[in-house]
Amino acid sequence: MKNSPPKYKVLLNNSVSAILFTKLDGSILEVNQTAVIMFGYSQEEFIKLCRQDIIDHTDQTIPELLAERSAKGTIKGELTGIRKNGEKFPIRFSSTLFQDEDGLEYSCTTIQDISERKKSEQEMALMIDNTEESFVLLDADLHIVSFNKQFKNRGKRYFGFEAKRGDYIIDYVPEEQAQELKELYALVLKGAKQKKEIVVPTAEGDTKYFILTYTPTIVDKTVTGIFVT
């Protein structure tokens, strides 16, 4: 902290993340230069503040997070930061407990401003929700990660299911079709893009035809899931 060797000060002040050393009651002992830039307070102002001054404590998850940190020694997640001018912004953080040479316990918290990421996610969600196509993203275990409103609406109207994140996609199909679909997904998870046509009679007496495209999602040359349109 204040008596840290110079080389550690250099590392702290050149970090892309804001770094805060605090007491367990949330009072701030020291911050790095990135925190000064991110929140708009000077070093001198920071040490007169506490956690509630820079983190929105109307978030009901904070007591649970603090309890988890006490139990496990470390936590991470997303909350809302508050700049000196009152502006609120989304942050991702990690916080770890540690003891000094006298056995006194403190916390070290790193914070990243994720405003741009959240903006991109919102723009992408807006774009995906305003297209005619239905989208659903599955993980490698075939559980739903995300979907757009068209998938939710068509799933309910034509196939009789209420889409929910975390659901096993195979549970949405009739039992007699489950094995065939599992085999199709297995091919996709091996990297092979697939297409399938589905014919659905509607309650109105007509017929709907759907073409489903199953595309493997790949990260660092590894198939991590399936994107279905």
C-alpha atoms as a PDB file:
ATOM      1  CA  MET A   1       0.000   0.000   0.000  1.00  0.00           C
ATOM      2  CA  LYS A   2       1.522   3.360   0.930  1.00  0.00           C
ATOM      3  CA  ASN A   3       4.809   1.687   1.843  1.00  0.00           C
ATOM      4  CA  SER A   4       4.878  -0.536  -1.239  1.00  0.00           C
ATOM      5  CA  PRO A   5       8.240  -0.742  -3.040  1.00  0.00           C
ATOM      6  CA  PRO A   6       8.582   1.689  -5.988  1.00  0.00           C
ATOM      7  CA  LYS A   7       8.543  -1.078  -8.605  1.00  0.00           C
ATOM      8  CA  TYR A   8       5.092  -2.202  -7.432  1.00  0.00           C
ATOM      9  CA  LYS A   9       3.841   1.386  -7.601  1.00  0.00           C
ATOM     10  CA  VAL A  10       4.914   1.480 -11.245  1.00  0.00           C
ATOM     11  CA  LEU A  11       3.042  -1.748 -11.970  1.00  0.00           C
ATOM     12  CA  LEU A  12      -0.102  -0.558 -10.188  1.00  0.00           C
ATOM     13  CA  ASN A  13      -0.172   2.817 -11.890  1.00  0.00           C
ATOM     14  CA  ASN A  14       0.309   1.300 -15.333  1.00  0.00           C
ATOM     15  CA  SER A  15      -2.497  -1.216 -14.949  1.00  0.00           C
ATOM     16  CA  VAL A  16      -5.433  -0.873 -17.371  1.00  0.00           C
ATOM     17  CA  SER A  17      -7.725  -1.694 -14.421  1.00  0.00           C
ATOM     18  CA  ALA A  18      -8.570   0.542 -11.504  1.00  0.00           C
ATOM     19  CA  ILE A  19      -7.059  -0.949  -8.337  1.00  0.00           C
ATOM     20  CA  LEU A  20      -8.294  -0.099  -4.845  1.00  0.00           C
ATOM     21  CA  PHE A  21      -6.969  -1.162  -1.457  1.00  0.00           C
ATOM     22  CA  THR A  22      -9.665  -0.922   1.212  1.00  0.00           C
ATOM     23  CA  LYS A  23     -10.483  -1.862   4.765  1.00  0.00           C
ATOM     24  CA  LEU A  24     -13.218  -4.442   5.274  1.00  0.00           C
ATOM     25  CA  ASP A  25     -15.675  -1.686   6.189  1.00  0.00           C
ATOM     26  CA  GLY A  26     -15.211  -0.267   2.684  1.00  0.00           C
ATOM     27  CA  SER A  27     -13.087   2.757   3.567  1.00  0.00           C
ATOM     28  CA  ILE A  28     -10.478   3.412   0.876  1.00  0.00           C
ATOM     29  CA  LEU A  29      -6.784   3.396   1.753  1.00  0.00           C
ATOM     30  CA  GLU A  30      -5.115   3.750  -1.625  1.00  0.00           C
ATOM     31  CA  VAL A  31      -5.904   3.655  -5.353  1.00  0.00           C
ATOM     32  CA  ASN A  32      -3.886   3.645  -8.550  1.00  0.00           C
ATOM     33  CA  GLN A  33      -3.867   6.288 -11.289  1.00  0.00           C
ATOM     34  CA  THR A  34      -6.373   4.371 -13.428  1.00  0.00           C
ATOM     35  CA  ALA A  35      -8.919   4.654 -10.607  1.00  0.00           C
ATOM     36  CA  VAL A  36      -8.306   8.410 -10.474  1.00  0.00           C
ATOM     37  CA  ILE A  37      -9.025   8.691 -14.209  1.00  0.00           C
ATOM     38  CA  MET A  38     -11.986   6.295 -14.158  1.00  0.00           C
ATOM     39  CA  PHE A  39     -13.876   7.829 -11.228  1.00  0.00           C
ATOM     40  CA  GLY A  40     -12.682  11.446 -11.416  1.00  0.00           C
ATOM     41  CA  TYR A  41     -11.468  11.766  -7.812  1.00  0.00           C
ATOM     42  CA  SER A  42      -7.926  12.765  -6.882  1.00  0.00           C
ATOM     43  CA  GLN A  43      -5.779  10.484  -4.729  1.00  0.00           C
ATOM     44  CA  GLU A  44      -6.391  12.796  -1.767  1.00  0.00           C
ATOM     45  CA  GLU A  45     -10.152  12.762  -2.299  1.00  0.00           C
ATOM     46  CA  PHE A  46     -10.253   8.979  -2.619  1.00  0.00           C
ATOM     47  CA  ILE A  47      -8.875   8.334   0.867  1.00  0.00           C
ATOM     48  CA  LYS A  48     -11.772  10.316   2.338  1.00  0.00           C
ATOM     49  CA  LEU A  49     -14.298   8.078   0.583  1.00  0.00           C
ATOM     50  CA  CYS A  50     -15.720   4.626   1.155  1.00  0.00           C
ATOM     51  CA  ARG A  51     -17.075   1.908  -1.101  1.00  0.00           C
ATOM     52  CA  GLN A  52     -20.617   3.338  -1.051  1.00  0.00           C
ATOM     53  CA  ASP A  53     -19.368   6.579  -2.649  1.00  0.00           C
ATOM     54  CA  ILE A  54     -18.173   4.880  -5.826  1.00  0.00           C
ATOM     55  CA  ILE A  55     -20.379   1.758  -6.069  1.00  0.00           C
ATOM     56  CA  ASP A  56     -24.173   1.915  -6.372  1.00  0.00           C
ATOM     57  CA  HIS A  57     -25.348   0.185  -3.188  1.00  0.00           C
ATOM     58  CA  THR A  58     -28.989   0.102  -4.251  1.00  0.00           C
ATOM     59  CA  ASP A  59     -27.967  -3.142  -5.983  1.00  0.00           C
ATOM     60  CA  GLN A  60     -29.545  -5.890  -3.872  1.00  0.00           C
ATOM     61  CA  THR A  61     -26.791  -8.394  -4.720  1.00  0.00           C
ATOM     62  CA  ILE A  62     -24.068  -6.518  -2.786  1.00  0.00           C
ATOM     63  CA  PRO A  63     -24.742  -8.085   0.663  1.00  0.00           C
ATOM     64  CA  GLU A  64     -24.602 -11.536  -0.963  1.00  0.00           C
ATOM     65  CA  LEU A  65     -21.350 -10.682  -2.736  1.00  0.00           C
ATOM     66  CA  LEU A  66     -19.731  -9.450   0.483  1.00  0.00           C
ATOM     67  CA  ALA A  67     -20.863 -12.577   2.316  1.00  0.00           C
ATOM     68  CA  GLU A  68     -19.387 -14.725  -0.449  1.00  0.00           C
ATOM     69  CA  ARG A  69     -16.091 -12.830  -0.238  1.00  0.00           C
ATOM     70  CA  SER A  70     -15.956 -13.377   3.524  1.00  0.00           C
ATOM     71  CA  ALA A  71     -16.567 -17.098   3.043  1.00  0.00           C
ATOM     72  CA  LYS A  72     -14.343 -17.758   0.027  1.00  0.00           C
ATOM     73  CA  GLY A  73     -11.818 -14.920   0.221  1.00  0.00           C
ATOM     74  CA  THR A  74     -12.531 -13.707  -3.318  1.00  0.00           C
ATOM     75  CA  ILE A  75     -15.433 -12.654  -5.545  1.00  0.00           C
ATOM     76  CA  LYS A  76     -16.018 -11.296  -9.027  1.00  0.00           C
ATOM     77  CA  GLY A  77     -19.010  -9.946 -10.897  1.00  0.00           C
ATOM     78  CA  GLU A  78     -20.658  -6.903 -12.420  1.00  0.00           C
ATOM     79  CA  LEU A  79     -22.006  -3.834 -10.604  1.00  0.00           C
ATOM     80  CA  THR A  80     -22.626  -0.133 -11.236  1.00  0.00           C
ATOM     81  CA  GLY A  81     -19.918   2.445 -10.546  1.00  0.00           C
ATOM     82  CA  ILE A  82     -20.503   6.117  -9.692  1.00  0.00           C
ATOM     83  CA  ARG A  83     -18.158   8.837 -10.961  1.00  0.00           C
ATOM     84  CA  LYS A  84     -17.472  12.057  -9.062  1.00  0.00           C
ATOM     85  CA  ASN A  85     -19.929  13.925 -11.329  1.00  0.00           C
ATOM     86  CA  GLY A  86     -22.692  11.470 -10.407  1.00  0.00           C
ATOM     87  CA  GLU A  87     -22.612   9.539 -13.678  1.00  0.00           C
ATOM     88  CA  LYS A  88     -23.344   5.833 -13.244  1.00  0.00           C
ATOM     89  CA  PHE A  89     -21.585   3.282 -15.449  1.00  0.00           C
ATOM     90  CA  PRO A  90     -21.320  -0.518 -15.653  1.00  0.00           C
ATOM     91  CA  ILE A  91     -18.225  -2.154 -14.177  1.00  0.00           C
ATOM     92  CA  ARG A  92     -16.734  -5.608 -13.921  1.00  0.00           C
ATOM     93  CA  PHE A  93     -14.786  -6.235 -10.734  1.00  0.00           C
ATOM     94  CA  SER A  94     -12.860  -8.815  -8.743  1.00  0.00           C
ATOM     95  CA  SER A  95     -12.094  -8.452  -5.047  1.00  0.00           C
ATOM     96  CA  THR A  96      -9.753 -10.526  -2.885  1.00  0.00           C
ATOM     97  CA  LEU A  97      -9.070 -10.496   0.845  1.00  0.00           C
ATOM     98  CA  PHE A  98      -5.481 -10.501   2.138  1.00  0.00           C
ATOM     99  CA  GLN A  99      -3.558  -9.937   5.350  1.00  0.00           C
ATOM    100  CA  ASP A 100      -0.598  -7.651   5.972  1.00  0.00           C
ATOM    101  CA  GLU A 101       2.484  -8.596   7.977  1.00  0.00           C
ATOM    102  CA  ASP A 102       0.639  -7.766  11.224  1.00  0.00           C
ATOM    103  CA  GLY A 103      -2.258 -10.072  10.386  1.00  0.00           C
ATOM    104  CA  LEU A 104      -4.687  -7.226   9.665  1.00  0.00           C
ATOM    105  CA  GLU A 105      -7.167  -8.026   6.888  1.00  0.00           C
ATOM    106  CA  TYR A 106      -7.767  -5.806   3.839  1.00  0.00           C
ATOM    107  CA  SER A 107      -9.192  -6.155   0.367  1.00  0.00           C
ATOM    108  CA  CYS A 108      -7.726  -5.518  -3.068  1.00  0.00           C
ATOM    109  CA  THR A 109     -10.295  -4.774  -5.752  1.00  0.00           C
ATOM    110  CA  THR A 110      -9.724  -4.424  -9.494  1.00  0.00           C
ATOM    111  CA  ILE A 111     -12.333  -2.669 -11.630  1.00  0.00           C
ATOM    112  CA  GLN A 112     -12.854  -2.395 -15.392  1.00  0.00           C
ATOM    113  CA  ASP A 113     -15.201   0.092 -17.072  1.00  0.00           C
ATOM    114  CA  ILE A 114     -17.370  -2.049 -19.393  1.00  0.00           C
ATOM    115  CA  SER A 115     -19.497   0.780 -20.800  1.00  0.00           C
ATOM    116  CA  GLU A 116     -18.389   0.166 -24.396  1.00  0.00           C
ATOM    117  CA  ARG A 117     -18.978  -3.577 -24.123  1.00  0.00           C
ATOM    118  CA  LYS A 118     -22.469  -3.043 -22.721  1.00  0.00           C
ATOM    119  CA  LYS A 119     -23.246  -0.518 -25.456  1.00  0.00           C
ATOM    120  CA  SER A 120     -22.145  -3.013 -28.122  1.00  0.00           C
ATOM    121  CA  GLU A 121     -24.238  -5.752 -26.521  1.00  0.00           C
ATOM    122  CA  GLN A 122     -27.300  -3.494 -26.468  1.00  0.00           C
ATOM    123  CA  GLU A 123     -26.784  -2.489 -30.105  1.00  0.00           C
ATOM    124  CA  MET A 124     -26.360  -6.132 -31.117  1.00  0.00           C
ATOM    125  CA  ALA A 125     -29.468  -7.165 -29.174  1.00  0.00           C
ATOM    126  CA  LEU A 126     -31.451  -4.352 -30.810  1.00  0.00           C
ATOM    127  CA  MET A 127     -30.304  -5.446 -34.264  1.00  0.00           C
ATOM    128  CA  ILE A 128     -30.991  -9.139 -33.655  1.00  0.00           C
ATOM    129  CA  ASP A 129     -34.427  -8.452 -32.169  1.00  0.00           C
ATOM    130  CA  ASN A 130     -35.426  -6.403 -35.224  1.00  0.00           C
ATOM    131  CA  THR A 131     -34.724  -9.020 -37.868  1.00  0.00           C
ATOM    132  CA  GLU A 132     -37.184 -11.587 -39.244  1.00  0.00           C
ATOM    133  CA  GLU A 133     -34.896 -14.510 -38.444  1.00  0.00           C
ATOM    134  CA  SER A 134     -35.027 -16.473 -35.212  1.00  0.00           C
ATOM    135  CA  PHE A 135     -31.703 -16.888 -33.394  1.00  0.00           C
ATOM    136  CA  VAL A 136     -30.688 -19.143 -30.528  1.00  0.00           C
ATOM    137  CA  LEU A 137     -27.183 -19.743 -29.163  1.00  0.00           C
ATOM    138  CA  LEU A 138     -26.425 -23.069 -27.464  1.00  0.00           C
ATOM    139  CA  ASP A 139     -23.405 -24.108 -25.428  1.00  0.00           C
ATOM    140  CA  ALA A 140     -21.534 -27.367 -26.069  1.00  0.00           C
ATOM    141  CA  ASP A 141     -23.938 -29.228 -23.752  1.00  0.00           C
ATOM    142  CA  LEU A 142     -26.924 -27.992 -25.806  1.00  0.00           C
ATOM    143  CA  HIS A 143     -28.211 -25.618 -23.148  1.00  0.00           C
ATOM    144  CA  ILE A 144     -29.604 -22.249 -24.231  1.00  0.00           C
ATOM    145  CA  VAL A 145     -27.205 -19.346 -23.747  1.00  0.00           C
ATOM    146  CA  SER A 146     -29.171 -16.612 -25.512  1.00  0.00           C
ATOM    147  CA  PHE A 147     -31.981 -16.053 -28.018  1.00  0.00           C
ATOM    148  CA  ASN A 148     -33.903 -13.252 -29.703  1.00  0.00           C
ATOM    149  CA  LYS A 149     -37.577 -12.360 -29.408  1.00  0.00           C
ATOM    150  CA  GLN A 150     -38.443 -14.054 -32.722  1.00  0.00           C
ATOM    151  CA  PHE A 151     -37.199 -17.396 -31.378  1.00  0.00           C
ATOM    152  CA  LYS A 152     -39.192 -16.902 -28.181  1.00  0.00           C
ATOM    153  CA  ASN A 153     -42.371 -15.874 -30.022  1.00  0.00           C
ATOM    154  CA  ARG A 154     -42.221 -18.572 -32.718  1.00  0.00           C
ATOM    155  CA  GLY A 155     -41.261 -21.244 -30.230  1.00  0.00           C
ATOM    156  CA  LYS A 156     -44.347 -20.488 -28.205  1.00  0.00           C
ATOM    157  CA  ARG A 157     -46.713 -20.051 -31.159  1.00  0.00           C
ATOM    158  CA  TYR A 158     -45.690 -22.902 -33.448  1.00  0.00           C
ATOM    159  CA  PHE A 159     -43.859 -25.390 -31.242  1.00  0.00           C
ATOM    160  CA  GLY A 160     -45.517 -24.908 -27.850  1.00  0.00           C
ATOM    161  CA  PHE A 161     -42.491 -24.146 -25.670  1.00  0.00           C
ATOM    162  CA  GLU A 162     -41.542 -21.128 -23.540  1.00  0.00           C
ATOM    163  CA  ALA A 163     -37.854 -20.455 -24.249  1.00  0.00           C
ATOM    164  CA  LYS A 164     -35.668 -19.931 -21.179  1.00  0.00           C
ATOM    165  CA  ARG A 165     -31.924 -19.459 -20.774  1.00  0.00           C
ATOM    166  CA  GLY A 166     -30.287 -22.569 -19.370  1.00  0.00           C
ATOM    167  CA  ASP A 167     -32.888 -24.987 -20.762  1.00  0.00           C
ATOM    168  CA  TYR A 168     -31.758 -28.147 -22.558  1.00  0.00           C
ATOM    169  CA  ILE A 169     -32.805 -27.621 -26.193  1.00  0.00           C
ATOM    170  CA  ILE A 170     -33.661 -31.312 -26.698  1.00  0.00           C
ATOM    171  CA  ASP A 171     -36.451 -30.942 -24.130  1.00  0.00           C
ATOM    172  CA  TYR A 172     -38.251 -28.693 -26.618  1.00  0.00           C
ATOM    173  CA  VAL A 173     -38.780 -31.412 -29.254  1.00  0.00           C
ATOM    174  CA  PRO A 174     -41.139 -34.418 -29.281  1.00  0.00           C
ATOM    175  CA  GLU A 175     -39.607 -37.546 -27.783  1.00  0.00           C
ATOM    176  CA  GLU A 176     -39.680 -39.420 -31.104  1.00  0.00           C
ATOM    177  CA  GLN A 177     -37.500 -36.699 -32.697  1.00  0.00           C
ATOM    178  CA  ALA A 178     -35.011 -36.349 -29.852  1.00  0.00           C
ATOM    179  CA  GLN A 179     -32.491 -38.980 -30.985  1.00  0.00           C
ATOM    180  CA  GLU A 180     -32.375 -37.686 -34.550  1.00  0.00           C
ATOM    181  CA  LEU A 181     -31.782 -34.147 -33.316  1.00  0.00           C
ATOM    182  CA  LYS A 182     -29.063 -35.284 -30.901  1.00  0.00           C
ATOM    183  CA  GLU A 183     -27.239 -36.907 -33.811  1.00  0.00           C
ATOM    184  CA  LEU A 184     -27.547 -33.722 -35.862  1.00  0.00           C
ATOM    185  CA  TYR A 185     -26.159 -31.601 -33.009  1.00  0.00           C
ATOM    186  CA  ALA A 186     -23.306 -34.093 -32.561  1.00  0.00           C
ATOM    187  CA  LEU A 187     -22.269 -33.498 -36.183  1.00  0.00           C
ATOM    188  CA  VAL A 188     -22.355 -29.725 -35.681  1.00  0.00           C
ATOM    189  CA  LEU A 189     -20.241 -29.986 -32.534  1.00  0.00           C
ATOM    190  CA  LYS A 190     -17.649 -31.758 -34.662  1.00  0.00           C
ATOM    191  CA  GLY A 191     -17.543 -28.665 -36.892  1.00  0.00           C
ATOM    192  CA  ALA A 192     -20.004 -29.595 -39.653  1.00  0.00           C
ATOM    193  CA  LYS A 193     -22.649 -27.000 -40.526  1.00  0.00           C
ATOM    194  CA  GLN A 194     -26.104 -28.553 -41.010  1.00  0.00           C
ATOM    195  CA  LYS A 195     -29.512 -27.594 -42.426  1.00  0.00           C
ATOM    196  CA  LYS A 196     -32.922 -29.074 -41.745  1.00  0.00           C
ATOM    197  CA  GLU A 197     -36.448 -28.357 -42.979  1.00  0.00           C
ATOM    198  CA  ILE A 198     -39.362 -28.506 -40.573  1.00  0.00           C
ATOM    199  CA  VAL A 199     -43.032 -28.577 -41.586  1.00  0.00           C
ATOM    200  CA  VAL A 200     -45.458 -27.354 -38.919  1.00  0.00           C
ATOM    201  CA  PRO A 201     -49.281 -27.435 -39.174  1.00  0.00           C
ATOM    202  CA  THR A 202     -50.736 -24.402 -37.422  1.00  0.00           C
ATOM    203  CA  ALA A 203     -53.844 -23.949 -35.296  1.00  0.00           C
ATOM    204  CA  GLU A 204     -55.278 -21.785 -38.083  1.00  0.00           C
ATOM    205  CA  GLY A 205     -55.300 -24.761 -40.436  1.00  0.00           C
ATOM    206  CA  ASP A 206     -52.411 -23.806 -42.702  1.00  0.00           C
ATOM    207  CA  THR A 207     -48.811 -25.023 -42.821  1.00  0.00           C
ATOM    208  CA  LYS A 208     -45.558 -23.282 -41.971  1.00  0.00           C
ATOM    209  CA  TYR A 209     -42.199 -24.305 -43.422  1.00  0.00           C
ATOM    210  CA  PHE A 210     -38.999 -23.530 -41.540  1.00  0.00           C
ATOM    211  CA  ILE A 211     -35.422 -23.941 -42.684  1.00  0.00           C
ATOM    212  CA  LEU A 212     -33.092 -24.330 -39.684  1.00  0.00           C
ATOM    213  CA  THR A 213     -29.369 -23.709 -40.082  1.00  0.00           C
ATOM    214  CA  TYR A 214     -27.025 -25.091 -37.425  1.00  0.00           C
ATOM    215  CA  THR A 215     -23.613 -23.426 -37.359  1.00  0.00           C
ATOM    216  CA  PRO A 216     -20.770 -24.364 -34.984  1.00  0.00           C
ATOM    217  CA  THR A 217     -19.472 -21.462 -32.890  1.00  0.00           C
ATOM    218  CA  ILE A 218     -15.686 -21.554 -32.829  1.00  0.00           C
ATOM    219  CA  VAL A 219     -13.296 -19.858 -30.398  1.00  0.00           C
ATOM    220  CA  ASP A 220      -9.534 -20.395 -30.810  1.00  0.00           C
ATOM    221  CA  LYS A 221     -10.196 -23.275 -33.242  1.00  0.00           C
ATOM    222  CA  THR A 222     -12.414 -25.056 -30.688  1.00  0.00           C
ATOM    223  CA  VAL A 223     -16.150 -25.596 -31.157  1.00  0.00           C
ATOM    224  CA  THR A 224     -17.781 -24.010 -28.106  1.00  0.00           C
ATOM    225  CA  GLY A 225     -21.444 -24.293 -29.058  1.00  0.00           C
ATOM    226  CA  ILE A 226     -24.041 -23.994 -31.812  1.00  0.00           C
ATOM    227  CA  PHE A 227     -25.743 -20.994 -33.404  1.00  0.00           C
ATOM    228  CA  VAL A 228     -29.164 -21.878 -34.803  1.00  0.00           C
ATOM    229  CA  THR A 229     -31.131 -19.648 -37.206  1.00  0.00           C
END
